[in-house]
């Protein structure tokens, strides 16, 4: 089950008014709980591999992508990392939703080929309704943008490649 399917399932459960839904498939067990408290709505998703003896803690949907996706991408990233060894990778310090623009009607913070200095804002990551500016750790040139605008990111996920020379 991929991230889009999980997000659609959460939206469906929220609209239906159900307080809890459990879904168990061949390799994944998902529990979705919603609780309304006046205008606040909380959604908790728990994704557990069925063969696992230890239960994982409940986490937001952004932190629960399918386990097969990173494993499938690993062989491709190994050959790419050899080519990118001279670049510095800027990684996400938190889990959240990445935005490359300060607002929808503004231009992106940085593009490929832009020069950045240490402390320049590269993007914003929204986590729990807080917008955190992600600043460059080094001076250099943006070589590659590794994530799309408005996409969920995980802790320590590579976001940008910077050529420090």
Protein backbone atom coordinates (compact mmCIF):
# COMPACT_ATOMS: atom_id res chain seq x y z
CA UNK A 1 0.00 0.00 0.00
CA UNK A 2 1.57 3.31 -1.05
CA UNK A 3 1.38 6.73 0.58
CA UNK A 4 -1.35 8.07 -1.74
CA UNK A 5 -3.62 5.12 -0.95
CA UNK A 6 -3.07 5.64 2.79
CA UNK A 7 -3.84 9.37 2.48
CA UNK A 8 -7.03 8.63 0.51
CA UNK A 9 -8.04 6.08 3.15
CA UNK A 10 -7.53 8.67 5.91
CA UNK A 11 -9.66 11.22 4.04
CA UNK A 12 -12.40 8.62 3.50
CA UNK A 13 -12.41 7.63 7.19
CA UNK A 14 -12.50 11.30 8.28
CA UNK A 15 -15.48 12.02 6.00
CA UNK A 16 -17.33 8.89 7.10
CA UNK A 17 -17.33 9.96 10.74
CA UNK A 18 -15.93 6.61 11.96
CA UNK A 19 -13.76 6.89 15.04
CA UNK A 20 -11.50 3.93 14.27
CA UNK A 21 -10.78 1.71 11.25
CA UNK A 22 -8.48 -1.31 11.18
CA UNK A 23 -7.21 -2.71 7.89
CA UNK A 24 -5.13 -5.87 7.71
CA UNK A 25 -3.63 -7.07 4.43
CA UNK A 26 -0.98 -9.66 3.53
CA UNK A 27 2.05 -7.64 4.61
CA UNK A 28 0.64 -4.57 6.37
CA UNK A 29 -1.70 -3.81 9.26
CA UNK A 30 -3.03 -0.24 9.46
CA UNK A 31 -5.10 1.33 12.24
CA UNK A 32 -6.61 4.78 11.70
CA UNK A 33 -8.15 6.61 14.66
CA UNK A 34 -9.84 10.00 14.43
CA UNK A 35 -10.99 12.08 17.36
CA UNK A 36 -12.81 15.40 17.14
CA UNK A 37 -12.37 17.96 19.89
CA UNK A 38 -14.46 21.01 18.86
CA UNK A 39 -12.57 22.26 15.77
CA UNK A 40 -9.45 20.13 16.28
CA UNK A 41 -9.22 16.81 14.46
CA UNK A 42 -6.49 14.28 15.12
CA UNK A 43 -5.63 11.43 12.77
CA UNK A 44 -3.30 8.69 13.92
CA UNK A 45 -2.05 6.04 11.52
CA UNK A 46 -0.24 2.95 12.67
CA UNK A 47 1.41 0.75 10.06
CA UNK A 48 2.82 -2.55 11.27
CA UNK A 49 4.41 -5.30 9.16
CA UNK A 50 2.31 -8.39 9.91
CA UNK A 51 5.29 -10.70 10.58
CA UNK A 52 6.71 -8.29 13.18
CA UNK A 53 6.67 -9.32 16.83
CA UNK A 54 7.23 -5.75 18.10
CA UNK A 55 4.50 -3.15 17.51
CA UNK A 56 5.60 0.23 16.17
CA UNK A 57 4.33 3.40 17.89
CA UNK A 58 1.53 5.39 16.27
CA UNK A 59 2.93 8.02 13.91
CA UNK A 60 1.53 10.62 11.48
CA UNK A 61 0.90 9.48 7.90
CA UNK A 62 3.91 11.45 6.64
CA UNK A 63 6.18 9.21 8.69
CA UNK A 64 4.64 5.92 7.54
CA UNK A 65 5.56 5.34 3.88
CA UNK A 66 5.58 1.76 2.63
CA UNK A 67 8.72 -0.14 3.60
CA UNK A 68 9.16 -1.55 0.08
CA UNK A 69 9.71 1.85 -1.55
CA UNK A 70 13.04 2.72 0.16
CA UNK A 71 14.34 -0.81 -0.34
CA UNK A 72 13.57 -0.69 -4.05
CA UNK A 73 15.26 2.70 -4.43
CA UNK A 74 18.45 1.64 -2.61
CA UNK A 75 20.28 -0.01 -5.58
CA UNK A 76 19.69 3.04 -7.77
CA UNK A 77 20.91 5.44 -5.07
CA UNK A 78 24.12 3.46 -4.52
CA UNK A 79 25.37 4.18 -8.05
CA UNK A 80 24.17 7.79 -7.80
CA UNK A 81 26.01 8.32 -4.50
CA UNK A 82 29.32 7.44 -6.15
CA UNK A 83 28.81 10.27 -8.68
CA UNK A 84 27.66 12.68 -5.95
CA UNK A 85 30.48 12.05 -3.45
CA UNK A 86 32.03 15.47 -4.11
CA UNK A 87 28.73 17.24 -3.25
CA UNK A 88 27.36 18.11 0.17
CA UNK A 89 23.90 16.73 0.88
CA UNK A 90 21.45 18.90 2.80
CA UNK A 91 19.13 16.58 4.75
CA UNK A 92 15.81 17.13 6.46
CA UNK A 93 16.21 17.77 10.20
CA UNK A 94 12.53 16.92 10.86
CA UNK A 95 9.50 15.03 9.56
CA UNK A 96 6.93 17.17 7.77
CA UNK A 97 5.78 18.64 4.46
CA UNK A 98 8.41 20.42 2.38
CA UNK A 99 7.57 23.65 0.58
CA UNK A 100 10.04 25.16 -1.89
CA UNK A 101 8.23 28.54 -1.92
CA UNK A 102 7.45 30.97 0.92
CA UNK A 103 3.83 31.10 -0.38
CA UNK A 104 2.00 29.71 -3.45
CA UNK A 105 2.24 33.00 -5.38
CA UNK A 106 5.98 33.59 -4.68
CA UNK A 107 8.99 32.14 -6.56
CA UNK A 108 10.96 29.19 -5.15
CA UNK A 109 13.71 29.86 -2.61
CA UNK A 110 16.41 28.17 -4.74
CA UNK A 111 16.72 26.48 -8.13
CA UNK A 112 19.41 24.28 -9.68
CA UNK A 113 22.40 26.48 -10.54
CA UNK A 114 21.69 29.12 -7.87
CA UNK A 115 24.57 30.20 -5.62
CA UNK A 116 23.84 30.01 -1.91
CA UNK A 117 25.70 31.24 1.13
CA UNK A 118 25.76 29.64 4.56
CA UNK A 119 22.50 30.59 6.30
CA UNK A 120 20.43 31.16 3.11
CA UNK A 121 16.92 29.67 3.28
CA UNK A 122 16.57 26.66 0.95
CA UNK A 123 13.00 25.59 1.78
CA UNK A 124 10.38 25.41 4.52
CA UNK A 125 9.24 22.24 6.30
CA UNK A 126 5.83 22.33 7.97
CA UNK A 127 5.60 20.12 11.04
CA UNK A 128 2.59 20.22 13.36
CA UNK A 129 1.38 23.57 11.95
CA UNK A 130 4.81 25.15 12.49
CA UNK A 131 6.80 26.36 9.48
CA UNK A 132 10.54 25.73 9.91
CA UNK A 133 13.01 27.44 7.56
CA UNK A 134 15.76 25.07 6.40
CA UNK A 135 18.99 27.00 5.91
CA UNK A 136 22.08 26.08 3.94
CA UNK A 137 24.91 24.70 6.05
CA UNK A 138 27.53 25.61 3.43
CA UNK A 139 28.22 28.08 0.65
CA UNK A 140 28.16 26.78 -2.90
CA UNK A 141 25.96 26.07 -5.92
CA UNK A 142 22.73 24.04 -5.94
CA UNK A 143 23.45 20.99 -8.12
CA UNK A 144 20.27 18.99 -7.60
CA UNK A 145 16.87 19.35 -5.90
CA UNK A 146 15.90 15.90 -4.60
CA UNK A 147 12.29 16.56 -3.48
CA UNK A 148 9.17 18.06 -5.03
CA UNK A 149 7.25 21.02 -3.67
CA UNK A 150 4.48 20.14 -1.16
CA UNK A 151 5.79 16.61 -0.66
CA UNK A 152 6.15 14.77 2.66
CA UNK A 153 9.72 14.31 3.91
CA UNK A 154 11.21 12.16 6.64
CA UNK A 155 13.95 12.83 9.16
CA UNK A 156 17.42 12.68 7.53
CA UNK A 157 15.96 12.47 3.99
CA UNK A 158 18.27 14.11 1.40
CA UNK A 159 16.75 17.37 0.08
CA UNK A 160 19.46 19.18 -1.92
CA UNK A 161 22.95 18.55 -3.32
CA UNK A 162 25.35 21.49 -3.10
CA UNK A 163 28.71 21.82 -4.83
CA UNK A 164 30.93 23.63 -2.31
CA UNK A 165 33.65 24.54 -4.84
